[in-house]
Structures are given as structure tokens and as C-alpha cells.
Amino acid sequence: MSTERTSEYAGQLLGMPASGPGSMAPLWRRALGLLVDWFSAQLIAHFAFGAALGAGGAQAFVPLGVFALINVLSVTAFAATPGQALLGLQVLQVSPGSFPLQVVVRTALLCLFIPAILSDRNGRGFHDGLAGTVIVRR
């Protein structure tokens, strides 16, 4: 019987390298990219649509709609949101299918918030796991 232990790392089950380009992005970089995108969406909603910062009611959905639109358009076109690109990250397709459809599913689940804060055994947020995507280093 062998007592050898293999060191496991996030993304190993997906066939990704342990570090460097193409490796799974660490949680802190993914979270920081998300905050950059959310702050940008808040500013756009405020200045372009007059949504009051921190407003409740129906106005609270304006920044969320802007956030979703930024995500779908930028990830479909460039494989990264502005916040992800700023931090050297990108969204990678790991399951077969239509990438634009996967981006829409990923974004819808991200906007629900709970799937994004829970993670699967690979270290991906549930929104990425269910959409067949992963965020990696560029």
C-alpha cells in the first residue's frame, strides 16, 4: 500500500494547471473583479438612468440590470468583464455548448447572488459550475 499523497489544487479535476496562465483564479481576485464591475454598474445606473445610489424599490433593479448587461456583452465579446480584465482574468468555457447561452445562464445565476457565493468541489462558484464555465488567469 502506498502512502504517497498527491497535492490537490483548485482546477485539478478540470485539467487546469496549478498556477500561471490558464489556472483557476483565486477567490480574492474573482471577488475584487466582481466589486469593480458592481461599482461600475452602480455609477452607470446613476449617471445614465438617474437611479439613486442605494435606492430601494424598483430603482434597486436598475444597477442589477446594468450589471447583467455589462456581464453578458463583455463576456460574450471579450471573455471577461471589465473588472476581470483589469485583474488579468477571463471566463473559460469548460463544458460543450453555446458560449453565449452559457454566459446568459452564468449571468442570471450570478445576479441571484446565492449561487455565486457557494462553491463546488472544484472551487468554482455554483453559477460557473452550472453554466459550464470557470474563471482563469490570463
C-alpha atoms as a PDB file:
ATOM      1  CA  MET A   1       0.000   0.000   0.000  1.00  0.00           C
ATOM      2  CA  SER A   2       1.367   3.382  -0.993  1.00  0.00           C
ATOM      3  CA  THR A   3       1.383   6.255   1.470  1.00  0.00           C
ATOM      4  CA  GLU A   4       2.101   8.795  -1.264  1.00  0.00           C
ATOM      5  CA  ARG A   5      -0.148  11.833  -1.172  1.00  0.00           C
ATOM      6  CA  THR A   6      -0.805  13.937  -4.188  1.00  0.00           C
ATOM      7  CA  SER A   7      -1.271  17.614  -3.580  1.00  0.00           C
ATOM      8  CA  GLU A   8      -4.620  18.734  -4.892  1.00  0.00           C
ATOM      9  CA  TYR A   9      -5.333  22.219  -6.125  1.00  0.00           C
ATOM     10  CA  ALA A  10      -8.338  24.137  -7.392  1.00  0.00           C
ATOM     11  CA  GLY A  11      -8.993  23.247 -11.000  1.00  0.00           C
ATOM     12  CA  GLN A  12      -7.165  19.906 -10.911  1.00  0.00           C
ATOM     13  CA  LEU A  13     -10.334  17.960 -11.677  1.00  0.00           C
ATOM     14  CA  LEU A  14     -10.928  20.259 -14.649  1.00  0.00           C
ATOM     15  CA  GLY A  15      -7.468  19.551 -16.064  1.00  0.00           C
ATOM     16  CA  MET A  16      -6.127  23.032 -15.406  1.00  0.00           C
ATOM     17  CA  PRO A  17      -2.565  23.885 -14.391  1.00  0.00           C
ATOM     18  CA  ALA A  18      -1.855  24.590 -10.712  1.00  0.00           C
ATOM     19  CA  SER A  19      -0.517  28.084 -11.382  1.00  0.00           C
ATOM     20  CA  GLY A  20       0.157  30.591 -14.127  1.00  0.00           C
ATOM     21  CA  PRO A  21      -1.942  31.366 -17.212  1.00  0.00           C
ATOM     22  CA  GLY A  22      -4.943  29.084 -17.567  1.00  0.00           C
ATOM     23  CA  SER A  23      -5.013  28.193 -13.870  1.00  0.00           C
ATOM     24  CA  MET A  24      -8.128  28.799 -11.838  1.00  0.00           C
ATOM     25  CA  ALA A  25      -8.316  32.344 -10.498  1.00  0.00           C
ATOM     26  CA  PRO A  26      -8.149  32.711  -6.720  1.00  0.00           C
ATOM     27  CA  LEU A  27     -11.285  33.749  -4.874  1.00  0.00           C
ATOM     28  CA  TRP A  28      -9.934  37.157  -3.840  1.00  0.00           C
ATOM     29  CA  ARG A  29      -9.222  38.154  -7.466  1.00  0.00           C
ATOM     30  CA  ARG A  30     -12.636  36.948  -8.631  1.00  0.00           C
ATOM     31  CA  ALA A  31     -14.319  38.870  -5.784  1.00  0.00           C
ATOM     32  CA  LEU A  32     -12.340  42.045  -6.469  1.00  0.00           C
ATOM     33  CA  GLY A  33     -13.237  41.869 -10.166  1.00  0.00           C
ATOM     34  CA  LEU A  34     -16.886  41.455  -9.204  1.00  0.00           C
ATOM     35  CA  LEU A  35     -16.706  44.520  -6.939  1.00  0.00           C
ATOM     36  CA  VAL A  36     -15.170  46.601  -9.736  1.00  0.00           C
ATOM     37  CA  ASP A  37     -17.984  45.531 -12.080  1.00  0.00           C
ATOM     38  CA  TRP A  38     -20.688  46.189  -9.466  1.00  0.00           C
ATOM     39  CA  PHE A  39     -19.298  49.653  -8.663  1.00  0.00           C
ATOM     40  CA  SER A  40     -19.163  50.443 -12.389  1.00  0.00           C
ATOM     41  CA  ALA A  41     -22.770  49.290 -12.827  1.00  0.00           C
ATOM     42  CA  GLN A  42     -23.846  51.499  -9.895  1.00  0.00           C
ATOM     43  CA  LEU A  43     -22.166  54.537 -11.450  1.00  0.00           C
ATOM     44  CA  ILE A  44     -23.623  53.883 -14.914  1.00  0.00           C
ATOM     45  CA  ALA A  45     -27.103  53.359 -13.433  1.00  0.00           C
ATOM     46  CA  HIS A  46     -26.804  56.607 -11.503  1.00  0.00           C
ATOM     47  CA  PHE A  47     -25.433  58.820 -14.251  1.00  0.00           C
ATOM     48  CA  ALA A  48     -27.131  57.286 -17.301  1.00  0.00           C
ATOM     49  CA  PHE A  49     -30.509  56.363 -15.815  1.00  0.00           C
ATOM     50  CA  GLY A  50     -30.806  58.613 -12.753  1.00  0.00           C
ATOM     51  CA  ALA A  51     -31.016  55.714 -10.315  1.00  0.00           C
ATOM     52  CA  ALA A  52     -30.287  56.988  -6.823  1.00  0.00           C
ATOM     53  CA  LEU A  53     -27.348  55.224  -5.173  1.00  0.00           C
ATOM     54  CA  GLY A  54     -28.653  52.821  -2.541  1.00  0.00           C
ATOM     55  CA  ALA A  55     -32.267  53.302  -3.632  1.00  0.00           C
ATOM     56  CA  GLY A  56     -34.914  50.745  -2.793  1.00  0.00           C
ATOM     57  CA  GLY A  57     -37.959  49.551  -4.649  1.00  0.00           C
ATOM     58  CA  ALA A  58     -37.935  49.283  -8.415  1.00  0.00           C
ATOM     59  CA  GLN A  59     -34.928  51.617  -8.679  1.00  0.00           C
ATOM     60  CA  ALA A  60     -32.808  48.982  -6.931  1.00  0.00           C
ATOM     61  CA  PHE A  61     -33.076  46.783 -10.028  1.00  0.00           C
ATOM     62  CA  VAL A  62     -31.590  49.363 -12.409  1.00  0.00           C
ATOM     63  CA  PRO A  63     -27.966  48.736 -11.311  1.00  0.00           C
ATOM     64  CA  LEU A  64     -28.609  44.990 -11.396  1.00  0.00           C
ATOM     65  CA  GLY A  65     -29.867  45.253 -14.980  1.00  0.00           C
ATOM     66  CA  VAL A  66     -26.820  47.333 -15.960  1.00  0.00           C
ATOM     67  CA  PHE A  67     -24.571  44.802 -14.213  1.00  0.00           C
ATOM     68  CA  ALA A  68     -26.208  41.918 -16.104  1.00  0.00           C
ATOM     69  CA  LEU A  69     -25.929  43.731 -19.430  1.00  0.00           C
ATOM     70  CA  ILE A  70     -22.236  44.536 -18.844  1.00  0.00           C
ATOM     71  CA  ASN A  71     -21.606  40.878 -17.997  1.00  0.00           C
ATOM     72  CA  VAL A  72     -23.419  39.368 -20.959  1.00  0.00           C
ATOM     73  CA  LEU A  73     -21.997  41.771 -23.544  1.00  0.00           C
ATOM     74  CA  SER A  74     -18.411  41.886 -22.327  1.00  0.00           C
ATOM     75  CA  VAL A  75     -18.011  38.182 -21.522  1.00  0.00           C
ATOM     76  CA  THR A  76     -19.583  37.157 -24.838  1.00  0.00           C
ATOM     77  CA  ALA A  77     -17.398  39.579 -26.803  1.00  0.00           C
ATOM     78  CA  PHE A  78     -14.134  39.545 -24.818  1.00  0.00           C
ATOM     79  CA  ALA A  79     -14.376  36.534 -22.447  1.00  0.00           C
ATOM     80  CA  ALA A  80     -14.070  38.931 -19.494  1.00  0.00           C
ATOM     81  CA  THR A  81     -15.906  41.709 -17.742  1.00  0.00           C
ATOM     82  CA  PRO A  82     -14.050  44.998 -17.305  1.00  0.00           C
ATOM     83  CA  GLY A  83     -13.257  44.091 -13.690  1.00  0.00           C
ATOM     84  CA  GLN A  84     -11.979  40.650 -14.662  1.00  0.00           C
ATOM     85  CA  ALA A  85      -9.862  42.096 -17.476  1.00  0.00           C
ATOM     86  CA  LEU A  86      -8.393  44.675 -15.075  1.00  0.00           C
ATOM     87  CA  LEU A  87      -7.298  41.830 -12.792  1.00  0.00           C
ATOM     88  CA  GLY A  88      -5.960  39.614 -15.583  1.00  0.00           C
ATOM     89  CA  LEU A  89      -8.816  37.111 -15.555  1.00  0.00           C
ATOM     90  CA  GLN A  90     -11.125  35.633 -18.162  1.00  0.00           C
ATOM     91  CA  VAL A  91     -14.128  33.329 -18.379  1.00  0.00           C
ATOM     92  CA  LEU A  92     -13.331  29.994 -19.974  1.00  0.00           C
ATOM     93  CA  GLN A  93     -15.827  27.501 -21.360  1.00  0.00           C
ATOM     94  CA  VAL A  94     -15.204  24.016 -19.891  1.00  0.00           C
ATOM     95  CA  SER A  95     -18.392  22.248 -20.984  1.00  0.00           C
ATOM     96  CA  PRO A  96     -19.545  21.885 -24.578  1.00  0.00           C
ATOM     97  CA  GLY A  97     -22.368  24.096 -25.710  1.00  0.00           C
ATOM     98  CA  SER A  98     -23.161  27.563 -26.946  1.00  0.00           C
ATOM     99  CA  PHE A  99     -20.848  30.010 -25.172  1.00  0.00           C
ATOM    100  CA  PRO A 100     -23.295  32.955 -25.448  1.00  0.00           C
ATOM    101  CA  LEU A 101     -26.030  30.811 -23.869  1.00  0.00           C
ATOM    102  CA  GLN A 102     -23.631  29.712 -21.114  1.00  0.00           C
ATOM    103  CA  VAL A 103     -22.806  33.373 -20.467  1.00  0.00           C
ATOM    104  CA  VAL A 104     -26.510  34.250 -20.140  1.00  0.00           C
ATOM    105  CA  VAL A 105     -27.075  31.343 -17.708  1.00  0.00           C
ATOM    106  CA  ARG A 106     -23.941  32.275 -15.752  1.00  0.00           C
ATOM    107  CA  THR A 107     -25.031  35.917 -15.525  1.00  0.00           C
ATOM    108  CA  ALA A 108     -28.599  35.097 -14.466  1.00  0.00           C
ATOM    109  CA  LEU A 109     -27.298  32.862 -11.681  1.00  0.00           C
ATOM    110  CA  LEU A 110     -24.697  35.462 -10.687  1.00  0.00           C
ATOM    111  CA  CYS A 111     -27.465  38.054 -10.341  1.00  0.00           C
ATOM    112  CA  LEU A 112     -29.297  35.730  -7.939  1.00  0.00           C
ATOM    113  CA  PHE A 113     -26.179  36.038  -5.696  1.00  0.00           C
ATOM    114  CA  ILE A 114     -26.572  32.798  -3.682  1.00  0.00           C
ATOM    115  CA  PRO A 115     -25.219  30.502  -6.453  1.00  0.00           C
ATOM    116  CA  ALA A 116     -22.200  32.808  -6.737  1.00  0.00           C
ATOM    117  CA  ILE A 117     -21.206  32.591  -3.064  1.00  0.00           C
ATOM    118  CA  LEU A 118     -21.473  28.802  -2.876  1.00  0.00           C
ATOM    119  CA  SER A 119     -18.754  26.730  -4.496  1.00  0.00           C
ATOM    120  CA  ASP A 120     -18.487  23.239  -5.934  1.00  0.00           C
ATOM    121  CA  ARG A 121     -15.751  20.670  -5.293  1.00  0.00           C
ATOM    122  CA  ASN A 122     -13.567  22.308  -7.963  1.00  0.00           C
ATOM    123  CA  GLY A 123     -13.651  25.663  -6.182  1.00  0.00           C
ATOM    124  CA  ARG A 124     -15.901  27.290  -8.787  1.00  0.00           C
ATOM    125  CA  GLY A 125     -18.973  29.254  -7.820  1.00  0.00           C
ATOM    126  CA  PHE A 126     -22.170  27.294  -8.474  1.00  0.00           C
ATOM    127  CA  HIS A 127     -23.068  29.838 -11.162  1.00  0.00           C
ATOM    128  CA  ASP A 128     -19.919  28.871 -13.091  1.00  0.00           C
ATOM    129  CA  GLY A 129     -20.363  25.157 -12.438  1.00  0.00           C
ATOM    130  CA  LEU A 130     -23.967  25.125 -13.633  1.00  0.00           C
ATOM    131  CA  ALA A 131     -23.118  27.226 -16.694  1.00  0.00           C
ATOM    132  CA  GLY A 132     -20.102  25.095 -17.658  1.00  0.00           C
ATOM    133  CA  THR A 133     -17.601  27.923 -17.229  1.00  0.00           C
ATOM    134  CA  VAL A 134     -14.645  28.804 -14.989  1.00  0.00           C
ATOM    135  CA  ILE A 135     -12.683  31.991 -14.326  1.00  0.00           C
ATOM    136  CA  VAL A 136      -8.973  31.596 -15.062  1.00  0.00           C
ATOM    137  CA  ARG A 137      -5.834  33.708 -15.091  1.00  0.00           C
ATOM    138  CA  ARG A 138      -4.932  35.185 -18.499  1.00  0.00           C
END
